[in-house]
Structures are given as C-alpha cells and as structure tokens.
Amino acid sequence: MKKRLMARQKHASVHPAEALPQERQTQENRLAPGVEEYLRAATRDNTRRSYRAAVEHFEGHWGGLLPATADSVARYLAHYGGQLSLATLKQRLAGLSVWHQQQGFADPTKAPHVRKVIKGIAELHPAKSKQAQPIQLEQLQQLAAYLQQSIEHDDPPQALTALRDRVILLLGFWRAFRSDELVRLEVQHIQAKSGAGMSLWLARSKGDRSLQGRDYQVPALRQLCPVEAYIDWIDAAGLGEGNVFRAIDRWGNISSSGMHPVSITNILRQRLSQVGLMNSKGFSSHSLRRGFASWANGQGWDTRRLMEYVGWRDVQSALRYIDNPTPFAAQWLADAPGKHES
C-alpha cells in the first residue's frame, strides 16, 4: 500500500509536458511561429474543455495514473458504469485517448476489452437519452408578445435587452441554429432587407466538416419575423461589425465581445419563466432547433428537405429532433417557411 501511494505521488508530481518523450519535446520546441495557434484552432473550445475535464476526472476523482493502462481504464469504466451516462463515459474515453496520443503514449482506450466493457455497460444500464423540450409555436408567440411589451414600455436597458433576446429566439427558431452558431454570427456577414429577407454567412459550425463556411437564407414573415427583429436590434445597438449577440449590463452598456453559448439557454429559460412557464429547466438552446424541426414536420416537410435546410448529415440526426407532428394554426404565419420556401 505504501509503495502504491509513493508511486501515485511520483506520477502526480510530473507535469504532463514533462511526461513527453525527449525527442517529442524537442520536436515541439521546434514548432514554427504560428503553428501552435493553428493547431489550437483546429479543435473547438468546447471539445478542448471536454478533453481536459475527462483527464481531470480520471486523475482527480477516481485517482487514476497517467499514462494509463488498458486495465486501469477498464476499471475506471466499471466503477462509473452505473453512475454516469454512456455518452459521458464515451466522452471521457475520447479525452483520455487524445491525451495519450498527444503525449506520444500508446492509447489504452482502443484495447479490445475496454471496448467490451463499454458494450457491457450499454447492455446492463440502458437509458433513454435526455432531450430538450421543443419550443411550440404558441410558446414562441407568447415570448414575442412579452418581449414586445418590454420593448415598448420598459426602461431603455431592459428594452434593449428585449430587442436582443427577441432576435435570438426568432432567428434561433426559424433557422434552427445551435447556440454556438448564434453566438458566432457577425454583423459584417449579414445582409438584411425589411420585407425581403436576410442572407448570412457562418464561418464555421459543427456540421461544416470541410471548414468552408455556409450561406443561409432567412425569410421575411408577416408575424414572428426574424428579419425585422434583427434590423430593430442592430439599429438600436448601433452595431456595424463584430458579434451580433453581446452581453448587456444593467445600465444598457453593450459588451465589445460575443456571448457565451450557455447564455442562450439561460435567456430562453428566463424568458419562459417570465411568461408563466414554471418548468423551464426542461428547455435549452436545443429547444429552438427541436421546435422548428417539429413544426416543419407538422407542415409536411419531407426528411430530405428538412435535413438540407437545417444542415443534418444523416437521417438519424434529424429524427432525434422531430416529435410527433402537431398541427398548428396556419393563419398564424401566412408566410412562414413551408413547402416552397427555404
């Protein structure tokens, strides 16, 4: 026992950079200026945080040693098999795998018996994946009406925040954007014309594997119009470039940088609570995306068309977002995107 504790302390005292083989450290030190920046840009911030959390959980919470063996990884999985979701455990494996590859060690997560343990956990602990509740069209209408009242009657800081939140919700719904896509939108890449529509270019998104960016078209609607909401927000905020969505303090000062993706969920839950929906915790930024998918399905969009509009690459991804079709009153949105618009 004493020897094991000493070994653990010895491992814990070694910084990950020091664990690099000498040849690899020398190679890293010879990286040309700018290479490290590009290597970092190749991985999304959320992914890096997830990998870092995986390593910290393996070492700090479970008490594992790095570099790990396949046996220790299997024991780690077995320990948390009934506590953590399968998706979380797979994320932990991905983080450990990347750490070992980056440090030049053999990857223990690829061992056959580690994969069998994962398969066994899936068999013995089946669980339905949690999904955010979709925003229904009636709820979107309630939110828009509440925000309109704030815009017209509240003090300038609250009215300005309501202008921002309205376009977040309407654009997030009608274009089925993810939260990280919304916060990446930039004014200089958007052209909007009242009554005509809006075109925008998004430099990168989760589904853009080729890293070429993507153009989007946003229709002008008679009600719940994201185009008019966008124009109102940009005019009131006086934005000419940079992030479209930014934090606003209680005095009405607008931040110079963009919002964090988590802020979209917080805004949605706060606004739902304000219109009287007490169980707002079941909603997240994905509720906008799921809400649009369910609405489009109810309007008769076929799966292929929905996939093209939203940007899904496979049918299974699309079906996870679609609830049973619910017929909405067509007169609410006479010009809403239907079978002949995109």
Protein backbone atom coordinates (compact mmCIF):
# COMPACT_ATOMS: atom_id res chain seq x y z
CA MET A 1 0.00 0.00 0.00
CA LYS A 2 2.80 2.41 0.92
CA LYS A 3 4.61 1.68 -2.35
CA ARG A 4 1.42 2.34 -4.31
CA LEU A 5 0.91 5.71 -2.61
CA MET A 6 4.52 6.69 -3.31
CA ALA A 7 4.11 5.73 -6.96
CA ARG A 8 0.95 7.79 -7.20
CA GLN A 9 2.65 10.81 -5.66
CA LYS A 10 5.53 10.42 -8.08
CA HIS A 11 3.15 10.35 -11.04
CA ALA A 12 1.12 13.25 -9.69
CA SER A 13 4.22 15.42 -9.37
CA VAL A 14 5.11 15.06 -13.02
CA HIS A 15 3.65 17.75 -15.24
CA PRO A 16 2.11 16.39 -18.49
CA ALA A 17 4.68 18.28 -20.52
CA GLU A 18 7.47 16.56 -18.60
CA ALA A 19 5.99 13.16 -19.46
CA LEU A 20 6.72 13.75 -23.13
CA PRO A 21 9.49 11.64 -24.57
CA GLN A 22 12.63 13.77 -25.00
CA GLU A 23 12.53 13.51 -28.78
CA ARG A 24 8.93 14.70 -28.86
CA GLN A 25 9.68 17.64 -26.54
CA THR A 26 12.49 18.72 -28.86
CA GLN A 27 10.19 18.48 -31.85
CA GLU A 28 7.52 20.56 -30.10
CA ASN A 29 10.08 23.20 -29.22
CA ARG A 30 10.99 23.50 -32.91
CA LEU A 31 7.43 24.39 -33.98
CA ALA A 32 7.48 27.33 -36.34
CA PRO A 33 5.83 30.57 -35.16
CA GLY A 34 2.08 30.38 -35.62
CA VAL A 35 1.89 26.58 -35.86
CA GLU A 36 0.70 26.20 -32.29
CA GLU A 37 -2.02 28.78 -32.91
CA TYR A 38 -3.30 26.88 -35.96
CA LEU A 39 -3.14 23.55 -34.15
CA ARG A 40 -5.22 25.02 -31.37
CA ALA A 41 -7.73 26.48 -33.81
CA ALA A 42 -8.25 23.03 -35.33
CA THR A 43 -10.05 21.90 -32.16
CA ARG A 44 -13.22 23.55 -30.89
CA ASP A 45 -13.09 25.22 -27.46
CA ASN A 46 -15.89 23.03 -26.13
CA THR A 47 -14.02 19.93 -27.27
CA ARG A 48 -10.84 21.04 -25.51
CA ARG A 49 -12.76 21.67 -22.31
CA SER A 50 -14.37 18.25 -22.56
CA TYR A 51 -10.99 16.55 -23.03
CA ARG A 52 -9.50 18.46 -20.10
CA ALA A 53 -12.45 17.53 -17.88
CA ALA A 54 -12.01 13.85 -18.82
CA VAL A 55 -8.37 13.80 -17.74
CA GLU A 56 -9.16 15.68 -14.51
CA HIS A 57 -11.97 13.26 -13.68
CA PHE A 58 -9.80 10.20 -14.31
CA GLU A 59 -6.94 11.54 -12.19
CA GLY A 60 -8.62 13.72 -9.59
CA HIS A 61 -11.93 11.99 -8.91
CA TRP A 62 -11.05 8.37 -9.50
CA GLY A 63 -7.36 8.56 -8.62
CA GLY A 64 -6.03 7.08 -11.84
CA LEU A 65 -2.45 7.40 -13.04
CA LEU A 66 -1.30 8.77 -16.37
CA PRO A 67 -0.17 7.32 -18.66
CA ALA A 68 -2.89 4.75 -18.06
CA THR A 69 -3.07 1.07 -18.82
CA ALA A 70 -5.97 -0.63 -20.54
CA ASP A 71 -6.75 -2.46 -17.29
CA SER A 72 -6.97 0.77 -15.30
CA VAL A 73 -9.23 2.35 -17.93
CA ALA A 74 -11.48 -0.73 -17.82
CA ARG A 75 -11.68 -0.50 -14.01
CA TYR A 76 -12.46 3.20 -14.27
CA LEU A 77 -15.34 2.48 -16.64
CA ALA A 78 -16.64 -0.31 -14.42
CA HIS A 79 -16.55 1.99 -11.39
CA TYR A 80 -18.74 4.63 -13.07
CA GLY A 81 -20.78 2.30 -15.28
CA GLY A 82 -23.91 2.65 -13.17
CA GLN A 83 -23.38 6.28 -12.26
CA LEU A 84 -22.56 8.15 -15.45
CA SER A 85 -24.38 8.02 -18.76
CA LEU A 86 -22.92 6.05 -21.64
CA ALA A 87 -22.43 9.27 -23.60
CA THR A 88 -20.44 10.79 -20.73
CA LEU A 89 -18.25 7.70 -20.41
CA LYS A 90 -17.53 7.80 -24.15
CA GLN A 91 -16.55 11.46 -23.81
CA ARG A 92 -14.19 10.52 -21.00
CA LEU A 93 -12.61 7.85 -23.20
CA ALA A 94 -12.19 10.34 -26.04
CA GLY A 95 -10.39 12.77 -23.72
CA LEU A 96 -8.07 10.09 -22.38
CA SER A 97 -7.38 8.87 -25.89
CA VAL A 98 -6.37 12.34 -27.08
CA TRP A 99 -4.14 12.90 -24.03
CA HIS A 100 -2.19 9.69 -24.71
CA GLN A 101 -1.83 10.44 -28.42
CA GLN A 102 -0.62 13.98 -27.76
CA GLN A 103 1.93 12.78 -25.22
CA GLY A 104 3.25 10.07 -27.52
CA PHE A 105 1.98 7.10 -25.49
CA ALA A 106 0.07 4.02 -26.63
CA ASP A 107 -3.67 4.58 -26.46
CA PRO A 108 -5.20 2.24 -23.84
CA THR A 109 -8.77 3.16 -24.75
CA LYS A 110 -8.51 1.20 -28.01
CA ALA A 111 -7.87 -2.11 -26.24
CA PRO A 112 -10.46 -4.78 -27.10
CA HIS A 113 -11.50 -5.43 -23.51
CA VAL A 114 -12.02 -1.69 -22.89
CA ARG A 115 -14.43 -1.66 -25.83
CA LYS A 116 -16.17 -4.74 -24.45
CA VAL A 117 -16.63 -3.06 -21.08
CA ILE A 118 -18.33 -0.12 -22.81
CA LYS A 119 -20.58 -2.53 -24.69
CA GLY A 120 -21.42 -4.32 -21.44
CA ILE A 121 -22.33 -1.04 -19.73
CA ALA A 122 -24.69 -0.24 -22.60
CA GLU A 123 -26.35 -3.64 -22.18
CA LEU A 124 -26.70 -3.54 -18.39
CA HIS A 125 -27.53 0.15 -17.98
CA PRO A 126 -29.79 1.12 -20.87
CA ALA A 127 -31.05 4.69 -20.64
CA LYS A 128 -33.04 6.90 -22.91
CA SER A 129 -31.05 9.95 -23.90
CA LYS A 130 -32.33 13.20 -22.43
CA GLN A 131 -33.66 15.69 -24.93
CA ALA A 132 -34.64 19.30 -24.53
CA GLN A 133 -38.33 20.06 -24.81
CA PRO A 134 -39.17 21.65 -28.16
CA ILE A 135 -40.47 25.20 -28.22
CA GLN A 136 -44.00 25.14 -29.60
CA LEU A 137 -45.24 27.85 -31.90
CA GLU A 138 -47.74 29.03 -29.28
CA GLN A 139 -44.88 29.49 -26.81
CA LEU A 140 -42.79 31.39 -29.35
CA GLN A 141 -45.75 33.68 -29.93
CA GLN A 142 -46.11 34.25 -26.17
CA LEU A 143 -42.43 35.05 -25.85
CA ALA A 144 -42.50 37.51 -28.75
CA ALA A 145 -45.57 39.29 -27.33
CA TYR A 146 -43.97 39.57 -23.88
CA LEU A 147 -40.73 40.95 -25.33
CA GLN A 148 -42.68 43.44 -27.47
CA GLN A 149 -44.30 44.79 -24.29
CA SER A 150 -40.87 45.18 -22.72
CA ILE A 151 -39.53 46.95 -25.81
CA GLU A 152 -42.42 49.43 -25.74
CA HIS A 153 -42.79 50.10 -22.02
CA ASP A 154 -39.63 49.21 -20.05
CA ASP A 155 -36.62 51.39 -19.29
CA PRO A 156 -34.03 51.65 -22.09
CA PRO A 157 -31.65 48.97 -20.72
CA GLN A 158 -34.46 46.42 -20.36
CA ALA A 159 -35.93 47.38 -23.73
CA LEU A 160 -32.54 46.97 -25.40
CA THR A 161 -32.12 43.53 -23.83
CA ALA A 162 -35.59 42.55 -25.00
CA LEU A 163 -34.68 43.58 -28.57
CA ARG A 164 -31.63 41.34 -28.45
CA ASP A 165 -33.47 38.40 -26.89
CA ARG A 166 -36.29 38.62 -29.42
CA VAL A 167 -34.00 38.18 -32.39
CA ILE A 168 -32.09 35.39 -30.62
CA LEU A 169 -35.31 33.42 -30.15
CA LEU A 170 -36.83 34.11 -33.55
CA LEU A 171 -33.66 33.56 -35.55
CA GLY A 172 -32.72 30.55 -33.46
CA PHE A 173 -36.13 29.00 -34.14
CA TRP A 174 -36.66 29.77 -37.84
CA ARG A 175 -33.11 28.84 -38.84
CA ALA A 176 -32.79 26.02 -36.27
CA PHE A 177 -29.41 27.34 -35.18
CA ARG A 178 -27.34 25.80 -32.41
CA SER A 179 -26.31 28.11 -29.58
CA ASP A 180 -22.67 28.19 -30.72
CA GLU A 181 -23.81 29.15 -34.22
CA LEU A 182 -25.92 32.01 -32.91
CA VAL A 183 -23.08 33.49 -30.87
CA ARG A 184 -20.69 33.26 -33.86
CA LEU A 185 -22.88 35.36 -36.16
CA GLU A 186 -21.16 38.59 -37.20
CA VAL A 187 -22.76 41.78 -38.47
CA GLN A 188 -20.42 42.18 -41.44
CA HIS A 189 -21.52 38.79 -42.80
CA ILE A 190 -25.24 39.56 -42.76
CA GLN A 191 -27.39 41.44 -45.27
CA ALA A 192 -30.98 42.12 -44.21
CA LYS A 193 -33.74 43.94 -46.06
CA SER A 194 -37.09 44.67 -44.49
CA GLY A 195 -39.90 42.72 -46.12
CA ALA A 196 -37.49 40.81 -48.37
CA GLY A 197 -35.38 38.54 -46.18
CA MET A 198 -31.90 38.11 -44.86
CA SER A 199 -28.78 36.33 -46.06
CA LEU A 200 -25.94 35.45 -43.75
CA TRP A 201 -22.66 33.59 -43.83
CA LEU A 202 -21.47 31.50 -40.92
CA ALA A 203 -17.73 30.87 -40.94
CA ARG A 204 -17.90 27.56 -39.09
CA SER A 205 -20.36 25.24 -37.44
CA LYS A 206 -20.49 21.74 -36.04
CA GLY A 207 -21.72 20.18 -39.28
CA ASP A 208 -19.24 22.01 -41.52
CA ARG A 209 -16.60 19.28 -41.82
CA SER A 210 -14.96 20.92 -44.83
CA LEU A 211 -14.46 24.22 -42.92
CA GLN A 212 -15.72 26.20 -45.90
CA GLY A 213 -18.44 28.09 -44.07
CA ARG A 214 -22.06 28.12 -45.14
CA ASP A 215 -24.57 30.62 -46.52
CA TYR A 216 -28.06 30.79 -45.02
CA GLN A 217 -31.24 32.46 -46.20
CA VAL A 218 -33.81 33.73 -43.71
CA PRO A 219 -37.34 34.50 -44.93
CA ALA A 220 -39.29 37.64 -44.03
CA LEU A 221 -42.54 36.66 -42.29
CA ARG A 222 -45.76 38.51 -41.55
CA GLN A 223 -45.59 37.50 -37.91
CA LEU A 224 -42.71 36.48 -35.65
CA CYS A 225 -40.34 37.84 -38.28
CA PRO A 226 -36.63 37.27 -37.56
CA VAL A 227 -35.61 39.77 -40.24
CA GLU A 228 -37.47 42.72 -38.70
CA ALA A 229 -36.29 41.68 -35.26
CA TYR A 230 -32.67 41.63 -36.46
CA ILE A 231 -32.91 45.06 -38.10
CA ASP A 232 -34.50 46.56 -34.97
CA TRP A 233 -31.74 45.15 -32.74
CA ILE A 234 -28.85 46.24 -34.96
CA ASP A 235 -30.27 49.75 -35.32
CA ALA A 236 -30.88 50.14 -31.58
CA ALA A 237 -27.48 48.69 -30.64
CA GLY A 238 -25.61 50.68 -33.30
CA LEU A 239 -23.58 47.67 -34.40
CA GLY A 240 -21.60 47.87 -37.64
CA GLU A 241 -19.32 44.85 -37.27
CA GLY A 242 -18.34 42.09 -34.92
CA ASN A 243 -20.58 39.73 -32.98
CA VAL A 244 -24.31 40.18 -33.41
CA PHE A 245 -25.18 38.99 -29.92
CA ARG A 246 -23.42 40.51 -26.91
CA ALA A 247 -23.93 40.87 -23.19
CA ILE A 248 -25.72 43.98 -21.90
CA ASP A 249 -25.19 45.27 -18.37
CA ARG A 250 -27.92 46.79 -16.19
CA TRP A 251 -27.08 50.28 -17.39
CA GLY A 252 -27.52 49.32 -21.02
CA ASN A 253 -23.84 49.13 -21.93
CA ILE A 254 -23.18 46.59 -24.69
CA SER A 255 -20.11 44.38 -24.45
CA SER A 256 -17.49 44.54 -27.17
CA SER A 257 -17.26 40.74 -27.37
CA GLY A 258 -19.71 37.98 -28.16
CA MET A 259 -21.85 36.00 -25.74
CA HIS A 260 -21.06 32.50 -24.47
CA PRO A 261 -23.21 29.71 -25.96
CA VAL A 262 -24.54 28.80 -22.50
CA SER A 263 -26.12 32.28 -22.33
CA ILE A 264 -28.67 31.25 -24.98
CA THR A 265 -30.10 28.57 -22.70
CA ASN A 266 -30.17 30.99 -19.77
CA ILE A 267 -32.01 33.61 -21.81
CA LEU A 268 -34.58 31.11 -23.06
CA ARG A 269 -35.30 29.75 -19.57
CA GLN A 270 -35.53 33.21 -18.05
CA ARG A 271 -37.97 34.42 -20.69
CA LEU A 272 -40.10 31.28 -20.44
CA SER A 273 -40.36 31.79 -16.68
CA GLN A 274 -41.41 35.37 -17.24
CA VAL A 275 -44.34 34.31 -19.44
CA GLY A 276 -45.52 31.89 -16.78
CA LEU A 277 -43.91 28.58 -17.74
CA MET A 278 -42.58 27.43 -14.39
CA ASN A 279 -40.89 24.21 -15.56
CA SER A 280 -38.39 25.98 -17.77
CA LYS A 281 -35.46 23.73 -16.79
CA GLY A 282 -36.56 21.18 -19.36
CA PHE A 283 -35.72 23.68 -22.09
CA SER A 284 -32.32 24.54 -23.54
CA SER A 285 -30.93 26.21 -26.63
CA HIS A 286 -31.67 22.93 -28.46
CA SER A 287 -35.37 23.60 -27.81
CA LEU A 288 -35.35 26.15 -30.62
CA ARG A 289 -33.84 23.65 -33.05
CA ARG A 290 -36.18 20.86 -31.97
CA GLY A 291 -39.14 23.22 -32.07
CA PHE A 292 -38.50 24.17 -35.67
CA ALA A 293 -37.96 20.54 -36.71
CA SER A 294 -41.27 19.52 -35.14
CA TRP A 295 -43.05 22.49 -36.73
CA ALA A 296 -41.63 21.72 -40.18
CA ASN A 297 -42.54 18.07 -39.85
CA GLY A 298 -46.09 19.08 -38.95
CA GLN A 299 -46.19 21.29 -42.05
CA GLY A 300 -45.37 18.32 -44.26
CA TRP A 301 -41.69 18.86 -44.97
CA ASP A 302 -40.06 15.65 -46.07
CA THR A 303 -36.98 14.46 -44.21
CA ARG A 304 -34.55 15.22 -47.05
CA ARG A 305 -35.72 18.81 -47.33
CA LEU A 306 -35.54 19.30 -43.57
CA MET A 307 -32.01 17.87 -43.48
CA GLU A 308 -30.87 20.28 -46.20
CA TYR A 309 -32.46 23.29 -44.52
CA VAL A 310 -31.09 22.58 -41.05
CA GLY A 311 -27.78 21.03 -42.11
CA TRP A 312 -28.09 17.48 -40.77
CA ARG A 313 -25.87 14.94 -42.48
CA ASP A 314 -27.84 11.78 -41.72
CA VAL A 315 -31.46 10.77 -41.19
CA GLN A 316 -30.93 9.55 -37.63
CA SER A 317 -29.74 13.00 -36.54
CA ALA A 318 -32.90 14.54 -38.00
CA LEU A 319 -35.27 12.01 -36.44
CA ARG A 320 -33.87 12.65 -32.96
CA TYR A 321 -35.17 16.21 -33.21
CA ILE A 322 -38.64 15.50 -34.56
CA ASP A 323 -41.55 14.94 -32.21
CA ASN A 324 -44.88 13.62 -33.36
CA PRO A 325 -46.31 16.22 -35.77
CA THR A 326 -48.74 18.64 -34.18
CA PRO A 327 -50.97 20.72 -36.49
CA PHE A 328 -50.57 24.43 -35.82
CA ALA A 329 -52.99 27.08 -36.93
CA ALA A 330 -51.86 28.00 -40.44
CA GLN A 331 -53.35 31.51 -40.19
CA TRP A 332 -50.80 32.45 -37.51
CA LEU A 333 -47.99 32.52 -40.04
CA ALA A 334 -49.34 33.00 -43.53
CA ASP A 335 -45.87 33.42 -44.99
CA ALA A 336 -43.93 31.08 -42.73
CA PRO A 337 -41.38 28.83 -44.46
CA GLY A 338 -43.34 25.95 -45.92
CA LYS A 339 -43.01 23.51 -48.77
CA HIS A 340 -41.90 26.05 -51.35
CA GLU A 341 -39.53 28.30 -49.40
CA SER A 342 -36.10 27.98 -47.83
